[in-house]
């Protein structure tokens, strides 16, 4: 964990900010790639969704998978949506 912190730490040693930009090395164990390969090979699967809070690694998982994905892929990134625009009452 210390190596990961140092890798993403700011060059300025007086701060300990973490860069939340996506990476293409997020799936070293291959767990996510295995699941995504299963989904992309299944003829019944038309949509794949990754959910999680900000900074949880969704974009990094996609980038890591596409790095070794042999087929062409279409990148569609939806606009961020805030819950403030929704009403739960009728």
PDB file of N, CA and C in Angstrom:
ATOM      1  N   UNK A   1       0.828  -1.188   0.000  1.00  0.00           N
ATOM      2  CA  UNK A   1       0.000   0.000   0.000  1.00  0.00           C
ATOM      3  C   UNK A   1       0.874   1.254   0.000  1.00  0.00           C
ATOM      4  N   UNK A   2       1.973   1.200   0.693  1.00  0.00           N
ATOM      5  CA  UNK A   2       2.883   2.343   0.735  1.00  0.00           C
ATOM      6  C   UNK A   2       3.435   2.648  -0.658  1.00  0.00           C
ATOM      7  N   UNK A   3       3.741   1.601  -1.431  1.00  0.00           N
ATOM      8  CA  UNK A   3       4.252   1.807  -2.789  1.00  0.00           C
ATOM      9  C   UNK A   3       3.208   2.488  -3.658  1.00  0.00           C
ATOM     10  N   UNK A   4       1.947   2.114  -3.497  1.00  0.00           N
ATOM     11  CA  UNK A   4       0.867   2.738  -4.254  1.00  0.00           C
ATOM     12  C   UNK A   4       0.724   4.202  -3.863  1.00  0.00           C
ATOM     13  N   UNK A   5       0.800   4.489  -2.570  1.00  0.00           N
ATOM     14  CA  UNK A   5       0.696   5.871  -2.099  1.00  0.00           C
ATOM     15  C   UNK A   5       1.835   6.705  -2.670  1.00  0.00           C
ATOM     16  N   UNK A   6       3.044   6.174  -2.661  1.00  0.00           N
ATOM     17  CA  UNK A   6       4.188   6.911  -3.178  1.00  0.00           C
ATOM     18  C   UNK A   6       4.102   7.101  -4.685  1.00  0.00           C
ATOM     19  N   UNK A   7       3.531   6.126  -5.376  1.00  0.00           N
ATOM     20  CA  UNK A   7       3.396   6.227  -6.828  1.00  0.00           C
ATOM     21  C   UNK A   7       2.491   7.383  -7.219  1.00  0.00           C
ATOM     22  N   UNK A   8       1.432   7.586  -6.457  1.00  0.00           N
ATOM     23  CA  UNK A   8       0.463   8.613  -6.804  1.00  0.00           C
ATOM     24  C   UNK A   8       0.623   9.890  -5.993  1.00  0.00           C
ATOM     25  N   UNK A   9       1.574   9.929  -5.091  1.00  0.00           N
ATOM     26  CA  UNK A   9       1.769  11.123  -4.266  1.00  0.00           C
ATOM     27  C   UNK A   9       2.266  12.277  -5.126  1.00  0.00           C
ATOM     28  N   UNK A  10       1.947  13.469  -4.703  1.00  0.00           N
ATOM     29  CA  UNK A  10       2.380  14.666  -5.396  1.00  0.00           C
ATOM     30  C   UNK A  10       3.902  14.768  -5.368  1.00  0.00           C
ATOM     31  N   UNK A  11       4.517  15.288  -6.440  1.00  0.00           N
ATOM     32  CA  UNK A  11       5.968  15.486  -6.422  1.00  0.00           C
ATOM     33  C   UNK A  11       6.409  16.408  -5.288  1.00  0.00           C
ATOM     34  N   UNK A  12       5.519  17.288  -4.868  1.00  0.00           N
ATOM     35  CA  UNK A  12       5.809  18.166  -3.739  1.00  0.00           C
ATOM     36  C   UNK A  12       5.650  17.351  -2.462  1.00  0.00           C
ATOM     37  N   UNK A  13       6.735  17.051  -1.789  1.00  0.00           N
ATOM     38  CA  UNK A  13       6.693  16.151  -0.632  1.00  0.00           C
ATOM     39  C   UNK A  13       5.937  16.723   0.560  1.00  0.00           C
ATOM     40  N   UNK A  14       5.583  18.010   0.519  1.00  0.00           N
ATOM     41  CA  UNK A  14       4.858  18.586   1.650  1.00  0.00           C
ATOM     42  C   UNK A  14       3.362  18.282   1.587  1.00  0.00           C
ATOM     43  N   UNK A  15       2.882  17.736   0.464  1.00  0.00           N
ATOM     44  CA  UNK A  15       1.467  17.380   0.338  1.00  0.00           C
ATOM     45  C   UNK A  15       1.339  15.891   0.059  1.00  0.00           C
ATOM     46  N   UNK A  16       0.183  15.344   0.352  1.00  0.00           N
ATOM     47  CA  UNK A  16      -0.065  13.922   0.101  1.00  0.00           C
ATOM     48  C   UNK A  16      -1.327  13.732  -0.724  1.00  0.00           C
ATOM     49  N   UNK A  17      -1.472  14.525  -1.775  1.00  0.00           N
ATOM     50  CA  UNK A  17      -2.624  14.388  -2.645  1.00  0.00           C
ATOM     51  C   UNK A  17      -2.485  13.134  -3.491  1.00  0.00           C
ATOM     52  N   UNK A  18      -3.616  12.544  -3.821  1.00  0.00           N
ATOM     53  CA  UNK A  18      -3.626  11.347  -4.654  1.00  0.00           C
ATOM     54  C   UNK A  18      -4.257  11.691  -5.993  1.00  0.00           C
ATOM     55  N   UNK A  19      -3.609  11.308  -7.058  1.00  0.00           N
ATOM     56  CA  UNK A  19      -4.117  11.525  -8.404  1.00  0.00           C
ATOM     57  C   UNK A  19      -5.236  10.526  -8.675  1.00  0.00           C
ATOM     58  N   UNK A  20      -6.438  11.009  -8.972  1.00  0.00           N
ATOM     59  CA  UNK A  20      -7.577  10.129  -9.229  1.00  0.00           C
ATOM     60  C   UNK A  20      -7.816   9.907 -10.722  1.00  0.00           C
ATOM     61  N   UNK A  21      -6.858  10.295 -11.556  1.00  0.00           N
ATOM     62  CA  UNK A  21      -6.999  10.076 -12.995  1.00  0.00           C
ATOM     63  C   UNK A  21      -6.986   8.573 -13.290  1.00  0.00           C
ATOM     64  N   UNK A  22      -7.751   8.141 -14.292  1.00  0.00           N
ATOM     65  CA  UNK A  22      -7.796   6.710 -14.627  1.00  0.00           C
ATOM     66  C   UNK A  22      -6.432   6.174 -15.054  1.00  0.00           C
ATOM     67  N   UNK A  23      -6.223   4.905 -14.819  1.00  0.00           N
ATOM     68  CA  UNK A  23      -5.005   4.210 -15.212  1.00  0.00           C
ATOM     69  C   UNK A  23      -5.393   2.977 -16.023  1.00  0.00           C
ATOM     70  N   UNK A  24      -4.439   2.409 -16.724  1.00  0.00           N
ATOM     71  CA  UNK A  24      -4.736   1.177 -17.461  1.00  0.00           C
ATOM     72  C   UNK A  24      -4.079  -0.031 -16.793  1.00  0.00           C
ATOM     73  N   UNK A  25      -3.767   0.100 -15.522  1.00  0.00           N
ATOM     74  CA  UNK A  25      -3.170  -0.995 -14.755  1.00  0.00           C
ATOM     75  C   UNK A  25      -3.979  -1.293 -13.489  1.00  0.00           C
ATOM     76  N   UNK A  26      -5.296  -1.237 -13.606  1.00  0.00           N
ATOM     77  CA  UNK A  26      -6.146  -1.379 -12.421  1.00  0.00           C
ATOM     78  C   UNK A  26      -6.544  -2.814 -12.117  1.00  0.00           C
ATOM     79  N   UNK A  27      -6.307  -3.730 -13.037  1.00  0.00           N
ATOM     80  CA  UNK A  27      -6.808  -5.100 -12.875  1.00  0.00           C
ATOM     81  C   UNK A  27      -5.671  -6.108 -12.909  1.00  0.00           C
ATOM     82  N   UNK A  28      -4.750  -5.975 -12.008  1.00  0.00           N
ATOM     83  CA  UNK A  28      -3.568  -6.852 -11.997  1.00  0.00           C
ATOM     84  C   UNK A  28      -3.929  -8.307 -11.726  1.00  0.00           C
ATOM     85  N   UNK A  29      -4.975  -8.554 -10.952  1.00  0.00           N
ATOM     86  CA  UNK A  29      -5.395  -9.927 -10.662  1.00  0.00           C
ATOM     87  C   UNK A  29      -6.243 -10.523 -11.780  1.00  0.00           C
ATOM     88  N   UNK A  30      -6.766  -9.691 -12.676  1.00  0.00           N
ATOM     89  CA  UNK A  30      -7.561 -10.171 -13.794  1.00  0.00           C
ATOM     90  C   UNK A  30      -9.004 -10.505 -13.468  1.00  0.00           C
ATOM     91  N   UNK A  31      -9.461 -10.161 -12.278  1.00  0.00           N
ATOM     92  CA  UNK A  31     -10.829 -10.485 -11.869  1.00  0.00           C
ATOM     93  C   UNK A  31     -11.844  -9.738 -12.734  1.00  0.00           C
ATOM     94  N   UNK A  32     -11.639  -8.444 -12.905  1.00  0.00           N
ATOM     95  CA  UNK A  32     -12.584  -7.655 -13.696  1.00  0.00           C
ATOM     96  C   UNK A  32     -12.527  -8.056 -15.167  1.00  0.00           C
ATOM     97  N   UNK A  33     -11.330  -8.302 -15.685  1.00  0.00           N
ATOM     98  CA  UNK A  33     -11.195  -8.709 -17.088  1.00  0.00           C
ATOM     99  C   UNK A  33     -11.910 -10.023 -17.360  1.00  0.00           C
ATOM    100  N   UNK A  34     -11.818 -10.955 -16.429  1.00  0.00           N
ATOM    101  CA  UNK A  34     -12.507 -12.234 -16.593  1.00  0.00           C
ATOM    102  C   UNK A  34     -14.012 -12.025 -16.681  1.00  0.00           C
ATOM    103  N   UNK A  35     -14.550 -11.190 -15.808  1.00  0.00           N
ATOM    104  CA  UNK A  35     -15.991 -10.914 -15.818  1.00  0.00           C
ATOM    105  C   UNK A  35     -16.401 -10.187 -17.095  1.00  0.00           C
ATOM    106  N   UNK A  36     -15.602  -9.225 -17.528  1.00  0.00           N
ATOM    107  CA  UNK A  36     -15.933  -8.481 -18.739  1.00  0.00           C
ATOM    108  C   UNK A  36     -15.800  -9.343 -19.994  1.00  0.00           C
ATOM    109  N   UNK A  37     -14.820 -10.232 -20.029  1.00  0.00           N
ATOM    110  CA  UNK A  37     -14.700 -11.159 -21.165  1.00  0.00           C
ATOM    111  C   UNK A  37     -15.915 -12.067 -21.243  1.00  0.00           C
ATOM    112  N   UNK A  38     -16.363 -12.565 -20.097  1.00  0.00           N
ATOM    113  CA  UNK A  38     -17.569 -13.395 -20.069  1.00  0.00           C
ATOM    114  C   UNK A  38     -18.752 -12.618 -20.640  1.00  0.00           C
ATOM    115  N   UNK A  39     -18.912 -11.373 -20.197  1.00  0.00           N
ATOM    116  CA  UNK A  39     -20.047 -10.565 -20.643  1.00  0.00           C
ATOM    117  C   UNK A  39     -19.967 -10.247 -22.129  1.00  0.00           C
ATOM    118  N   UNK A  40     -18.773  -9.946 -22.640  1.00  0.00           N
ATOM    119  CA  UNK A  40     -18.658  -9.589 -24.059  1.00  0.00           C
ATOM    120  C   UNK A  40     -18.799 -10.791 -24.979  1.00  0.00           C
ATOM    121  N   UNK A  41     -18.589 -11.979 -24.473  1.00  0.00           N
ATOM    122  CA  UNK A  41     -18.729 -13.194 -25.294  1.00  0.00           C
ATOM    123  C   UNK A  41     -20.139 -13.772 -25.262  1.00  0.00           C
ATOM    124  N   UNK A  42     -20.942 -13.341 -24.330  1.00  0.00           N
ATOM    125  CA  UNK A  42     -22.293 -13.872 -24.189  1.00  0.00           C
ATOM    126  C   UNK A  42     -23.232 -13.193 -25.187  1.00  0.00           C
ATOM    127  N   UNK A  43     -23.924 -13.970 -26.039  1.00  0.00           N
ATOM    128  CA  UNK A  43     -24.823 -13.362 -27.019  1.00  0.00           C
ATOM    129  C   UNK A  43     -26.055 -12.708 -26.392  1.00  0.00           C
ATOM    130  N   UNK A  44     -26.357 -13.032 -25.150  1.00  0.00           N
ATOM    131  CA  UNK A  44     -27.524 -12.445 -24.491  1.00  0.00           C
ATOM    132  C   UNK A  44     -27.223 -11.101 -23.834  1.00  0.00           C
ATOM    133  N   UNK A  45     -25.965 -10.742 -23.718  1.00  0.00           N
ATOM    134  CA  UNK A  45     -25.580  -9.499 -23.039  1.00  0.00           C
ATOM    135  C   UNK A  45     -25.452  -8.383 -24.065  1.00  0.00           C
ATOM    136  N   UNK A  46     -26.226  -7.332 -23.881  1.00  0.00           N
ATOM    137  CA  UNK A  46     -26.189  -6.175 -24.771  1.00  0.00           C
ATOM    138  C   UNK A  46     -25.630  -4.938 -24.091  1.00  0.00           C
ATOM    139  N   UNK A  47     -25.706  -4.876 -22.780  1.00  0.00           N
ATOM    140  CA  UNK A  47     -25.246  -3.717 -22.021  1.00  0.00           C
ATOM    141  C   UNK A  47     -24.414  -4.181 -20.835  1.00  0.00           C
ATOM    142  N   UNK A  48     -23.393  -3.426 -20.526  1.00  0.00           N
ATOM    143  CA  UNK A  48     -22.555  -3.692 -19.359  1.00  0.00           C
ATOM    144  C   UNK A  48     -22.477  -2.396 -18.568  1.00  0.00           C
ATOM    145  N   UNK A  49     -22.726  -2.468 -17.284  1.00  0.00           N
ATOM    146  CA  UNK A  49     -22.670  -1.279 -16.434  1.00  0.00           C
ATOM    147  C   UNK A  49     -21.685  -1.495 -15.299  1.00  0.00           C
ATOM    148  N   UNK A  50     -20.880  -0.494 -15.048  1.00  0.00           N
ATOM    149  CA  UNK A  50     -20.008  -0.468 -13.876  1.00  0.00           C
ATOM    150  C   UNK A  50     -20.500   0.664 -12.997  1.00  0.00           C
ATOM    151  N   UNK A  51     -20.747   0.369 -11.750  1.00  0.00           N
ATOM    152  CA  UNK A  51     -21.225   1.400 -10.845  1.00  0.00           C
ATOM    153  C   UNK A  51     -20.286   1.531  -9.663  1.00  0.00           C
ATOM    154  N   UNK A  52     -20.294   2.688  -9.076  1.00  0.00           N
ATOM    155  CA  UNK A  52     -19.478   2.936  -7.898  1.00  0.00           C
ATOM    156  C   UNK A  52     -19.347   4.429  -7.683  1.00  0.00           C
ATOM    157  N   UNK A  53     -18.920   4.820  -6.504  1.00  0.00           N
ATOM    158  CA  UNK A  53     -18.773   6.248  -6.212  1.00  0.00           C
ATOM    159  C   UNK A  53     -17.591   6.860  -6.965  1.00  0.00           C
ATOM    160  N   UNK A  54     -17.518   8.165  -6.942  1.00  0.00           N
ATOM    161  CA  UNK A  54     -16.423   8.899  -7.565  1.00  0.00           C
ATOM    162  C   UNK A  54     -15.088   8.376  -7.040  1.00  0.00           C
ATOM    163  N   UNK A  55     -14.169   8.113  -7.945  1.00  0.00           N
ATOM    164  CA  UNK A  55     -12.838   7.681  -7.550  1.00  0.00           C
ATOM    165  C   UNK A  55     -12.711   6.215  -7.212  1.00  0.00           C
ATOM    166  N   UNK A  56     -13.744   5.416  -7.489  1.00  0.00           N
ATOM    167  CA  UNK A  56     -13.692   3.995  -7.123  1.00  0.00           C
ATOM    168  C   UNK A  56     -12.976   3.136  -8.163  1.00  0.00           C
ATOM    169  N   UNK A  57     -12.699   3.687  -9.346  1.00  0.00           N
ATOM    170  CA  UNK A  57     -11.924   2.949 -10.334  1.00  0.00           C
ATOM    171  C   UNK A  57     -12.686   2.446 -11.541  1.00  0.00           C
ATOM    172  N   UNK A  58     -13.883   2.951 -11.778  1.00  0.00           N
ATOM    173  CA  UNK A  58     -14.683   2.484 -12.913  1.00  0.00           C
ATOM    174  C   UNK A  58     -13.960   2.712 -14.247  1.00  0.00           C
ATOM    175  N   UNK A  59     -13.491   3.912 -14.474  1.00  0.00           N
ATOM    176  CA  UNK A  59     -12.791   4.222 -15.726  1.00  0.00           C
ATOM    177  C   UNK A  59     -11.487   3.451 -15.835  1.00  0.00           C
ATOM    178  N   UNK A  60     -10.809   3.251 -14.726  1.00  0.00           N
ATOM    179  CA  UNK A  60      -9.557   2.485 -14.735  1.00  0.00           C
ATOM    180  C   UNK A  60      -9.807   1.028 -15.099  1.00  0.00           C
ATOM    181  N   UNK A  61     -10.906   0.471 -14.631  1.00  0.00           N
ATOM    182  CA  UNK A  61     -11.248  -0.912 -14.977  1.00  0.00           C
ATOM    183  C   UNK A  61     -11.501  -1.021 -16.476  1.00  0.00           C
ATOM    184  N   UNK A  62     -12.228  -0.068 -17.030  1.00  0.00           N
ATOM    185  CA  UNK A  62     -12.505  -0.077 -18.469  1.00  0.00           C
ATOM    186  C   UNK A  62     -11.211   0.066 -19.261  1.00  0.00           C
ATOM    187  N   UNK A  63     -10.376   1.017 -18.888  1.00  0.00           N
ATOM    188  CA  UNK A  63      -9.104   1.213 -19.594  1.00  0.00           C
ATOM    189  C   UNK A  63      -8.217  -0.026 -19.513  1.00  0.00           C
ATOM    190  N   UNK A  64      -8.155  -0.630 -18.345  1.00  0.00           N
ATOM    191  CA  UNK A  64      -7.329  -1.829 -18.167  1.00  0.00           C
ATOM    192  C   UNK A  64      -7.828  -2.966 -19.045  1.00  0.00           C
ATOM    193  N   UNK A  65      -9.143  -3.118 -19.122  1.00  0.00           N
ATOM    194  CA  UNK A  65      -9.721  -4.174 -19.952  1.00  0.00           C
ATOM    195  C   UNK A  65      -9.452  -3.914 -21.434  1.00  0.00           C
ATOM    196  N   UNK A  66      -9.680  -2.694 -21.878  1.00  0.00           N
ATOM    197  CA  UNK A  66      -9.515  -2.378 -23.295  1.00  0.00           C
ATOM    198  C   UNK A  66      -8.059  -2.466 -23.743  1.00  0.00           C
ATOM    199  N   UNK A  67      -7.137  -2.344 -22.817  1.00  0.00           N
ATOM    200  CA  UNK A  67      -5.709  -2.439 -23.145  1.00  0.00           C
ATOM    201  C   UNK A  67      -5.380  -3.800 -23.767  1.00  0.00           C
ATOM    202  N   UNK A  68      -6.059  -4.845 -23.326  1.00  0.00           N
ATOM    203  CA  UNK A  68      -5.782  -6.185 -23.848  1.00  0.00           C
ATOM    204  C   UNK A  68      -6.951  -6.783 -24.629  1.00  0.00           C
ATOM    205  N   UNK A  69      -8.008  -6.009 -24.842  1.00  0.00           N
ATOM    206  CA  UNK A  69      -9.178  -6.505 -25.565  1.00  0.00           C
ATOM    207  C   UNK A  69      -8.856  -6.560 -27.050  1.00  0.00           C
ATOM    208  N   UNK A  70      -8.994  -7.724 -27.695  1.00  0.00           N
ATOM    209  CA  UNK A  70      -8.554  -7.874 -29.086  1.00  0.00           C
ATOM    210  C   UNK A  70      -9.482  -7.241 -30.125  1.00  0.00           C
ATOM    211  N   UNK A  71     -10.737  -6.993 -29.767  1.00  0.00           N
ATOM    212  CA  UNK A  71     -11.689  -6.461 -30.743  1.00  0.00           C
ATOM    213  C   UNK A  71     -11.823  -4.953 -30.586  1.00  0.00           C
ATOM    214  N   UNK A  72     -12.365  -4.325 -31.619  1.00  0.00           N
ATOM    215  CA  UNK A  72     -12.598  -2.892 -31.569  1.00  0.00           C
ATOM    216  C   UNK A  72     -13.743  -2.606 -30.604  1.00  0.00           C
ATOM    217  N   UNK A  73     -13.623  -1.533 -29.854  1.00  0.00           N
ATOM    218  CA  UNK A  73     -14.656  -1.182 -28.879  1.00  0.00           C
ATOM    219  C   UNK A  73     -15.090   0.264 -29.082  1.00  0.00           C
ATOM    220  N   UNK A  74     -16.349   0.519 -28.842  1.00  0.00           N
ATOM    221  CA  UNK A  74     -16.904   1.861 -28.927  1.00  0.00           C
ATOM    222  C   UNK A  74     -16.939   2.454 -27.528  1.00  0.00           C
ATOM    223  N   UNK A  75     -16.325   3.608 -27.360  1.00  0.00           N
ATOM    224  CA  UNK A  75     -16.300   4.273 -26.058  1.00  0.00           C
ATOM    225  C   UNK A  75     -17.471   5.242 -25.966  1.00  0.00           C
ATOM    226  N   UNK A  76     -18.348   5.019 -25.022  1.00  0.00           N
ATOM    227  CA  UNK A  76     -19.458   5.931 -24.769  1.00  0.00           C
ATOM    228  C   UNK A  76     -19.381   6.330 -23.307  1.00  0.00           C
ATOM    229  N   UNK A  77     -19.151   7.593 -23.057  1.00  0.00           N
ATOM    230  CA  UNK A  77     -19.043   8.084 -21.686  1.00  0.00           C
ATOM    231  C   UNK A  77     -20.239   8.996 -21.422  1.00  0.00           C
ATOM    232  N   UNK A  78     -21.148   8.581 -20.574  1.00  0.00           N
ATOM    233  CA  UNK A  78     -22.316   9.421 -20.290  1.00  0.00           C
ATOM    234  C   UNK A  78     -21.923  10.658 -19.492  1.00  0.00           C
ATOM    235  N   UNK A  79     -22.718  11.691 -19.649  1.00  0.00           N
ATOM    236  CA  UNK A  79     -22.502  12.905 -18.865  1.00  0.00           C
ATOM    237  C   UNK A  79     -22.831  12.625 -17.407  1.00  0.00           C
ATOM    238  N   UNK A  80     -22.094  13.241 -16.493  1.00  0.00           N
ATOM    239  CA  UNK A  80     -22.400  13.030 -15.073  1.00  0.00           C
ATOM    240  C   UNK A  80     -23.785  13.583 -14.735  1.00  0.00           C
ATOM    241  N   UNK A  81     -24.502  12.859 -13.932  1.00  0.00           N
ATOM    242  CA  UNK A  81     -25.854  13.256 -13.536  1.00  0.00           C
ATOM    243  C   UNK A  81     -25.892  13.389 -12.027  1.00  0.00           C
ATOM    244  N   UNK A  82     -26.451  14.472 -11.552  1.00  0.00           N
ATOM    245  CA  UNK A  82     -26.602  14.658 -10.110  1.00  0.00           C
ATOM    246  C   UNK A  82     -28.013  14.315  -9.673  1.00  0.00           C
ATOM    247  N   UNK A  83     -28.154  13.798  -8.481  1.00  0.00           N
ATOM    248  CA  UNK A  83     -29.470  13.441  -7.956  1.00  0.00           C
ATOM    249  C   UNK A  83     -30.316  14.673  -7.668  1.00  0.00           C
ATOM    250  N   UNK A  84     -29.731  15.835  -7.605  1.00  0.00           N
ATOM    251  CA  UNK A  84     -30.498  17.036  -7.275  1.00  0.00           C
ATOM    252  C   UNK A  84     -31.562  17.348  -8.320  1.00  0.00           C
ATOM    253  N   UNK A  85     -31.399  16.847  -9.536  1.00  0.00           N
ATOM    254  CA  UNK A  85     -32.368  17.103 -10.593  1.00  0.00           C
ATOM    255  C   UNK A  85     -33.531  16.136 -10.622  1.00  0.00           C
ATOM    256  N   UNK A  86     -33.543  15.162  -9.720  1.00  0.00           N
ATOM    257  CA  UNK A  86     -34.596  14.154  -9.706  1.00  0.00           C
ATOM    258  C   UNK A  86     -35.539  14.371  -8.529  1.00  0.00           C
ATOM    259  N   UNK A  87     -36.785  14.020  -8.734  1.00  0.00           N
ATOM    260  CA  UNK A  87     -37.773  14.105  -7.665  1.00  0.00           C
ATOM    261  C   UNK A  87     -38.360  12.722  -7.434  1.00  0.00           C
ATOM    262  N   UNK A  88     -38.377  12.282  -6.193  1.00  0.00           N
ATOM    263  CA  UNK A  88     -38.926  10.970  -5.871  1.00  0.00           C
ATOM    264  C   UNK A  88     -40.428  11.021  -5.615  1.00  0.00           C
ATOM    265  N   UNK A  89     -40.985  12.212  -5.505  1.00  0.00           N
ATOM    266  CA  UNK A  89     -42.429  12.321  -5.277  1.00  0.00           C
ATOM    267  C   UNK A  89     -43.152  12.461  -6.612  1.00  0.00           C
ATOM    268  N   UNK A  90     -44.412  12.028  -6.627  1.00  0.00           N
ATOM    269  CA  UNK A  90     -45.191  12.061  -7.868  1.00  0.00           C
ATOM    270  C   UNK A  90     -45.681  13.431  -8.203  1.00  0.00           C
TER     271      UNK A  90
END
